[in-house]
Amino acid sequence: MAKKAVATLRTTGGKGLTKVIQMERSEKTNAYAFKETFVPTDDVKEFLKK
């Protein structure tokens, strides 16, 4: 008999962050690397302008 899934209560602390993935190319090997950062949701557009 399968167990019933129990809902968990979420805290509101992590909802203000957005995961941003940027692609960078290595000068030595010409390979692509992906850089992942968490940015506050309000600052995403400013972060991507860099």
Protein backbone atom coordinates (compact mmCIF):
# COMPACT_ATOMS: atom_id res chain seq x y z
CA MET A 1 0.00 0.00 0.00
CA ALA A 2 1.42 3.39 -1.00
CA LYS A 3 2.06 6.10 1.55
CA LYS A 4 0.14 9.34 1.33
CA ALA A 5 2.26 12.39 0.49
CA VAL A 6 2.29 14.97 3.26
CA ALA A 7 2.25 18.64 2.29
CA THR A 8 4.99 20.76 3.81
CA LEU A 9 4.71 24.36 4.86
CA ARG A 10 6.95 26.74 2.95
CA THR A 11 8.65 29.74 4.42
CA THR A 12 8.43 33.01 2.53
CA GLY A 13 12.17 33.71 2.80
CA GLY A 14 13.24 32.17 -0.55
CA LYS A 15 10.57 33.56 -2.84
CA GLY A 16 12.41 36.80 -3.58
CA LEU A 17 15.30 35.13 -5.45
CA THR A 18 15.69 34.23 -9.12
CA LYS A 19 18.24 31.80 -10.56
CA VAL A 20 20.23 33.38 -13.39
CA ILE A 21 22.30 31.20 -15.72
CA GLN A 22 24.96 32.92 -17.84
CA MET A 23 26.99 31.32 -20.61
CA GLU A 24 30.70 32.17 -20.77
CA ARG A 25 33.25 31.05 -23.33
CA SER A 26 36.74 30.03 -22.24
CA GLU A 27 39.56 31.78 -24.08
CA LYS A 28 41.92 28.80 -23.75
CA THR A 29 39.71 25.93 -24.92
CA ASN A 30 36.82 27.78 -26.63
CA ALA A 31 34.47 25.64 -24.54
CA TYR A 32 31.31 27.03 -23.01
CA ALA A 33 30.85 27.17 -19.24
CA PHE A 34 27.64 27.99 -17.42
CA LYS A 35 27.70 30.25 -14.39
CA GLU A 36 24.69 30.01 -12.06
CA THR A 37 23.88 32.72 -9.52
CA PHE A 38 20.88 33.64 -7.39
CA VAL A 39 19.84 37.28 -7.68
CA PRO A 40 17.02 39.16 -5.92
CA THR A 41 14.01 39.31 -8.25
CA ASP A 42 13.98 43.11 -8.28
CA ASP A 43 17.61 43.31 -9.49
CA VAL A 44 17.50 40.78 -12.36
CA LYS A 45 17.33 43.34 -15.20
CA GLU A 46 20.22 45.35 -13.73
CA PHE A 47 22.29 42.19 -13.27
CA LEU A 48 21.79 41.09 -16.89
CA LYS A 49 22.84 44.50 -18.25
CA LYS A 50 26.41 43.91 -16.99
